[in-house]
Amino acid sequence: MFSEIKKLPAYRELIINFAMREIKAKYKQAALGVSWAVLQPLLQILIMTLVFSVFARVPSEGIPYPLFLFTGLLPWLFFANALNRGTTALTNQAGLITKIYFPRESLVIAGLVASLVDFAIAASIYVVMLIYYGVSLSPYALMAIPIFLVQMILVFGLMLLLAPLNAFYRDVSQLMPVLITFWQYLTPIMYPLKMVPARYQALYSLNPMVGIMDGYRSVLLRHQMPDMNLLAYAFGVGIVLLVFGYSQFKRVEMKLADIA
C-alpha cells in the first residue's frame, strides 16, 4: 500500500487538473457561478435558524444560534460534499478510465481537493459571523486543525470505499443523499450534544462525527479542550476506514475499466 502511495506525488498536476474540472463542472452555466459556494450555506443558515431556533426553540448554550449552527454546519457541508463527490468520482469519469491508465484514486483525491476549495470559500462567512457577534478566539482554537485532520482521514476513507462500490452498484449514488441527511440528524449540528438523553449517549457516540462536531464547538465557542476520548475514537475509526478503504480500492482498481 505504501509503495502505491509513494507514486501519487508524481500525479499531483493531474490531480489538480481533475479538481479544477470538478469545480468548473459544478458551477458551469450557473449565472452566479462560484458565488453559490457562499450563497448555499447562507440559505441553509437562514432556513435552519428559522426552523430550529425560532420555531423549535432549540437551545444553543447561550451562543447566538446562527453562529452555534454554522460552527457545526460548515465542516458538515465539507463532509457531505466530499462524500457525494467521492461516490461518483469514478462513474463521472468512466470514459477517461477506459482510455488511459493513471492511479484511479487520483479522481477521489481530486474530489476531496474540490470540496476543500468550497470549504475555504464558505469559511469566509464564519469569519464574518465571528466578527459580527463579537466572538474572539482563544488558543484552544488551534485544536480545530487536528480535529479537521481527523475529519479528513475519516471522509477520505469513506470516499475510497464508496467510489468503487458505486461503480459496481449505481444504487449507492441514489441512496447517498438520503443516508447523508439521516446521518446529519444523528450528529449534533442543529442541536447541542447535551440534548441527547444520558441513557442514549454511549450508543449515540458510536457515530464518529459526534466527537468531531462537538469538538469544533468546544475549541471555537466554549474555549475549552474537546472530548479527547470521542476524538480518539473518531481518529481510530478514520484510520481503519482509510487503510481498509485504500486496500480494497487497489484490489478492484483493475476491474474498474470494465464496469465504470
Protein backbone atom coordinates (compact mmCIF):
# COMPACT_ATOMS: atom_id res chain seq x y z
CA MET A 1 0.00 0.00 0.00
CA PHE A 2 2.81 2.40 0.90
CA SER A 3 4.51 1.78 -2.43
CA GLU A 4 1.31 2.86 -4.19
CA ILE A 5 1.02 5.98 -2.04
CA LYS A 6 4.60 6.97 -2.92
CA LYS A 7 3.59 7.15 -6.59
CA LEU A 8 0.86 9.75 -6.02
CA PRO A 9 3.06 12.90 -5.80
CA ALA A 10 4.12 12.27 -9.40
CA TYR A 11 0.47 12.75 -10.41
CA ARG A 12 -0.11 15.97 -8.45
CA GLU A 13 -0.64 18.08 -11.59
CA LEU A 14 -3.18 15.56 -12.86
CA ILE A 15 -4.99 15.65 -9.51
CA ILE A 16 -5.09 19.46 -9.57
CA ASN A 17 -6.49 19.39 -13.12
CA PHE A 18 -9.14 16.88 -12.08
CA ALA A 19 -10.05 19.08 -9.10
CA MET A 20 -10.37 22.16 -11.30
CA ARG A 21 -12.64 20.22 -13.66
CA GLU A 22 -14.78 19.23 -10.68
CA ILE A 23 -15.16 22.82 -9.54
CA LYS A 24 -15.87 24.16 -13.04
CA ALA A 25 -18.41 21.40 -13.74
CA LYS A 26 -20.30 22.17 -10.52
CA TYR A 27 -20.77 25.85 -11.33
CA LYS A 28 -20.92 25.59 -15.12
CA GLN A 29 -23.82 27.55 -16.63
CA ALA A 30 -24.77 28.90 -13.19
CA ALA A 31 -25.45 32.61 -13.51
CA LEU A 32 -23.89 33.30 -10.09
CA GLY A 33 -21.04 30.86 -10.63
CA VAL A 34 -18.79 30.14 -7.66
CA SER A 35 -20.84 32.60 -5.55
CA TRP A 36 -23.07 29.62 -4.79
CA ALA A 37 -20.29 28.31 -2.53
CA VAL A 38 -21.23 31.21 -0.23
CA LEU A 39 -24.94 31.52 -1.01
CA GLN A 40 -25.80 27.86 -0.35
CA PRO A 41 -24.57 27.81 3.25
CA LEU A 42 -26.10 31.24 3.88
CA LEU A 43 -29.50 30.00 2.75
CA GLN A 44 -29.14 26.89 4.90
CA ILE A 45 -28.25 29.02 7.93
CA LEU A 46 -31.36 31.16 7.36
CA ILE A 47 -33.73 28.21 6.92
CA MET A 48 -32.32 26.14 9.78
CA THR A 49 -32.29 29.13 12.13
CA LEU A 50 -35.97 29.71 11.42
CA VAL A 51 -36.87 26.05 11.92
CA PHE A 52 -34.70 25.08 14.88
CA SER A 53 -34.26 28.38 16.74
CA VAL A 54 -37.38 30.45 16.05
CA PHE A 55 -39.96 27.66 15.78
CA ALA A 56 -38.46 24.67 17.65
CA ARG A 57 -36.52 26.87 20.11
CA VAL A 58 -33.54 24.55 20.26
CA PRO A 59 -31.08 25.71 22.98
CA SER A 60 -27.69 26.93 21.82
CA GLU A 61 -25.70 27.12 25.09
CA GLY A 62 -26.06 30.90 25.28
CA ILE A 63 -24.39 31.33 21.89
CA PRO A 64 -26.23 33.17 19.05
CA TYR A 65 -27.93 30.33 17.22
CA PRO A 66 -26.68 31.20 13.69
CA LEU A 67 -23.08 31.06 14.97
CA PHE A 68 -23.77 27.93 17.03
CA LEU A 69 -25.31 26.28 13.96
CA PHE A 70 -22.64 27.25 11.44
CA THR A 71 -19.81 26.06 13.65
CA GLY A 72 -21.14 22.57 13.00
CA LEU A 73 -22.75 23.10 9.63
CA LEU A 74 -19.62 24.42 7.88
CA PRO A 75 -17.48 21.29 8.43
CA TRP A 76 -20.52 19.10 7.86
CA LEU A 77 -21.09 20.63 4.41
CA PHE A 78 -17.48 19.83 3.56
CA PHE A 79 -18.04 16.26 4.77
CA ALA A 80 -21.27 15.84 2.78
CA ASN A 81 -19.87 17.42 -0.40
CA ALA A 82 -16.77 15.22 -0.23
CA LEU A 83 -18.87 12.07 0.22
CA ASN A 84 -21.08 12.97 -2.74
CA ARG A 85 -18.09 13.76 -4.94
CA GLY A 86 -16.26 10.65 -3.83
CA THR A 87 -19.22 8.40 -4.54
CA THR A 88 -19.44 9.50 -8.18
CA ALA A 89 -15.72 10.16 -8.73
CA LEU A 90 -15.21 7.07 -10.89
CA THR A 91 -18.54 6.86 -12.70
CA ASN A 92 -18.40 10.52 -13.74
CA GLN A 93 -15.07 9.87 -15.48
CA ALA A 94 -15.90 6.47 -16.94
CA GLY A 95 -14.74 7.47 -20.43
CA LEU A 96 -11.36 8.57 -19.16
CA ILE A 97 -10.86 5.43 -17.09
CA THR A 98 -11.34 3.18 -20.10
CA LYS A 99 -8.82 5.10 -22.28
CA ILE A 100 -5.66 5.71 -20.26
CA TYR A 101 -4.01 4.48 -17.09
CA PHE A 102 -3.42 6.63 -14.05
CA PRO A 103 -3.96 5.87 -10.36
CA ARG A 104 -7.73 5.79 -10.10
CA GLU A 105 -7.59 7.16 -6.58
CA SER A 106 -6.45 10.42 -8.19
CA LEU A 107 -10.10 11.05 -9.04
CA VAL A 108 -11.14 10.53 -5.43
CA ILE A 109 -8.37 12.81 -4.17
CA ALA A 110 -9.46 15.44 -6.71
CA GLY A 111 -12.99 15.28 -5.30
CA LEU A 112 -11.57 15.86 -1.82
CA VAL A 113 -9.50 18.83 -3.04
CA ALA A 114 -12.51 20.37 -4.81
CA SER A 115 -14.54 20.04 -1.61
CA LEU A 116 -11.73 21.75 0.31
CA VAL A 117 -11.91 24.71 -2.08
CA ASP A 118 -15.65 25.05 -1.46
CA PHE A 119 -15.00 24.78 2.28
CA ALA A 120 -12.34 27.51 2.18
CA ILE A 121 -14.70 29.88 0.35
CA ALA A 122 -17.59 29.21 2.73
CA ALA A 123 -15.27 29.65 5.73
CA SER A 124 -15.19 33.36 4.93
CA ILE A 125 -18.80 33.50 6.16
CA TYR A 126 -17.72 32.07 9.51
CA VAL A 127 -15.03 34.72 9.92
CA VAL A 128 -17.59 37.46 9.24
CA MET A 129 -20.02 35.89 11.74
CA LEU A 130 -17.36 35.78 14.46
CA ILE A 131 -16.66 39.47 13.91
CA TYR A 132 -20.36 40.37 13.75
CA TYR A 133 -21.18 38.62 17.03
CA GLY A 134 -18.01 39.89 18.70
CA VAL A 135 -16.70 36.41 19.48
CA SER A 136 -12.96 36.21 19.97
CA LEU A 137 -10.96 33.02 19.58
CA SER A 138 -8.83 31.54 22.35
CA PRO A 139 -5.63 29.47 21.99
CA TYR A 140 -7.89 26.40 22.09
CA ALA A 141 -9.00 27.36 18.56
CA LEU A 142 -5.72 25.91 17.27
CA MET A 143 -7.14 22.49 18.15
CA ALA A 144 -9.55 22.93 15.23
CA ILE A 145 -6.64 21.97 12.94
CA PRO A 146 -6.11 18.43 14.31
CA ILE A 147 -9.88 17.99 14.55
CA PHE A 148 -10.15 18.86 10.87
CA LEU A 149 -7.35 16.42 10.04
CA VAL A 150 -9.26 13.65 11.84
CA GLN A 151 -12.33 14.56 9.79
CA MET A 152 -10.24 14.49 6.59
CA ILE A 153 -8.96 10.99 7.36
CA LEU A 154 -12.48 9.77 8.09
CA VAL A 155 -14.07 11.23 4.97
CA PHE A 156 -11.25 10.15 2.66
CA GLY A 157 -11.53 6.58 3.92
CA LEU A 158 -15.26 6.63 3.22
CA MET A 159 -14.70 8.12 -0.24
CA LEU A 160 -12.30 5.32 -1.13
CA LEU A 161 -14.90 2.76 -0.08
CA LEU A 162 -17.86 4.40 -1.79
CA ALA A 163 -16.26 5.22 -5.16
CA PRO A 164 -15.68 1.61 -6.36
CA LEU A 165 -18.85 0.43 -4.62
CA ASN A 166 -20.85 2.88 -6.70
CA ALA A 167 -19.01 1.76 -9.83
CA PHE A 168 -20.28 -1.77 -9.20
CA TYR A 169 -23.72 -0.77 -7.87
CA ARG A 170 -25.08 2.57 -9.09
CA ASP A 171 -27.79 2.39 -6.43
CA VAL A 172 -25.20 3.75 -3.98
CA SER A 173 -25.22 7.25 -5.50
CA GLN A 174 -29.02 7.27 -5.43
CA LEU A 175 -29.06 6.31 -1.77
CA MET A 176 -26.31 8.64 -0.58
CA PRO A 177 -28.37 11.88 -0.27
CA VAL A 178 -30.83 10.05 1.99
CA LEU A 179 -28.08 8.49 4.11
CA ILE A 180 -26.23 11.80 4.45
CA THR A 181 -29.41 13.59 5.56
CA PHE A 182 -30.14 10.81 8.09
CA TRP A 183 -26.55 10.97 9.35
CA GLN A 184 -26.81 14.75 9.70
CA TYR A 185 -29.77 14.46 12.07
CA LEU A 186 -27.85 11.89 14.13
CA THR A 187 -24.99 14.35 14.58
CA PRO A 188 -25.02 17.37 16.95
CA ILE A 189 -25.14 20.06 14.29
CA MET A 190 -28.53 21.72 14.76
CA TYR A 191 -28.67 20.91 18.47
CA PRO A 192 -26.14 20.56 21.33
CA LEU A 193 -24.82 17.17 22.37
CA LYS A 194 -26.27 17.54 25.86
CA MET A 195 -29.80 17.37 24.39
CA VAL A 196 -29.30 13.65 23.79
CA PRO A 197 -30.66 11.73 26.82
CA ALA A 198 -27.92 10.30 29.04
CA ARG A 199 -29.13 6.72 28.54
CA TYR A 200 -28.53 7.03 24.78
CA GLN A 201 -25.20 8.88 24.94
CA ALA A 202 -23.00 5.78 24.61
CA LEU A 203 -24.92 4.47 21.62
CA TYR A 204 -25.17 7.93 20.07
CA SER A 205 -21.42 8.47 20.40
CA LEU A 206 -20.70 5.44 18.20
CA ASN A 207 -21.19 7.95 15.40
CA PRO A 208 -17.59 9.18 14.88
CA MET A 209 -18.84 12.57 13.70
CA VAL A 210 -20.24 13.30 17.17
CA GLY A 211 -16.81 13.89 18.69
CA ILE A 212 -15.67 15.87 15.67
CA MET A 213 -18.65 18.23 15.54
CA ASP A 214 -18.81 18.76 19.30
CA GLY A 215 -15.04 19.24 19.25
CA TYR A 216 -15.32 22.23 16.92
CA ARG A 217 -17.80 23.90 19.26
CA SER A 218 -15.59 23.22 22.27
CA VAL A 219 -12.45 24.80 20.83
CA LEU A 220 -14.06 27.63 18.86
CA LEU A 221 -17.00 28.71 21.02
CA ARG A 222 -16.64 27.23 24.52
CA HIS A 223 -12.90 27.98 24.73
CA GLN A 224 -12.08 24.57 26.14
CA MET A 225 -10.46 21.30 25.13
CA PRO A 226 -12.60 18.87 23.15
CA ASP A 227 -13.57 15.46 24.49
CA MET A 228 -10.34 13.59 23.70
CA ASN A 229 -11.96 10.17 24.14
CA LEU A 230 -14.51 10.93 21.43
CA LEU A 231 -11.81 12.37 19.18
CA ALA A 232 -9.53 9.38 19.70
CA TYR A 233 -12.43 7.10 18.79
CA ALA A 234 -13.14 9.13 15.62
CA PHE A 235 -9.43 9.01 14.72
CA GLY A 236 -9.35 5.24 15.21
CA VAL A 237 -12.43 4.73 13.03
CA GLY A 238 -10.92 7.03 10.40
CA ILE A 239 -7.62 5.13 10.28
CA VAL A 240 -9.41 1.78 9.96
CA LEU A 241 -11.60 3.13 7.15
CA LEU A 242 -8.63 4.69 5.38
CA VAL A 243 -6.46 1.55 5.47
CA PHE A 244 -9.32 -0.79 4.62
CA GLY A 245 -10.78 1.56 2.00
CA TYR A 246 -7.47 2.10 0.21
CA SER A 247 -6.57 -1.60 0.21
CA GLN A 248 -9.99 -2.52 -1.17
CA PHE A 249 -9.78 0.27 -3.75
CA LYS A 250 -6.46 -1.02 -5.07
CA ARG A 251 -7.76 -4.59 -5.05
CA VAL A 252 -10.55 -3.80 -7.51
CA GLU A 253 -8.78 -0.99 -9.42
CA MET A 254 -8.02 -3.09 -12.50
CA LYS A 255 -11.67 -4.14 -12.80
CA LEU A 256 -12.95 -0.56 -12.88
CA ALA A 257 -12.31 -0.05 -16.60
CA ASP A 258 -14.69 -2.94 -17.34
CA ILE A 259 -17.58 -1.72 -15.20
CA ALA A 260 -17.24 2.09 -14.97
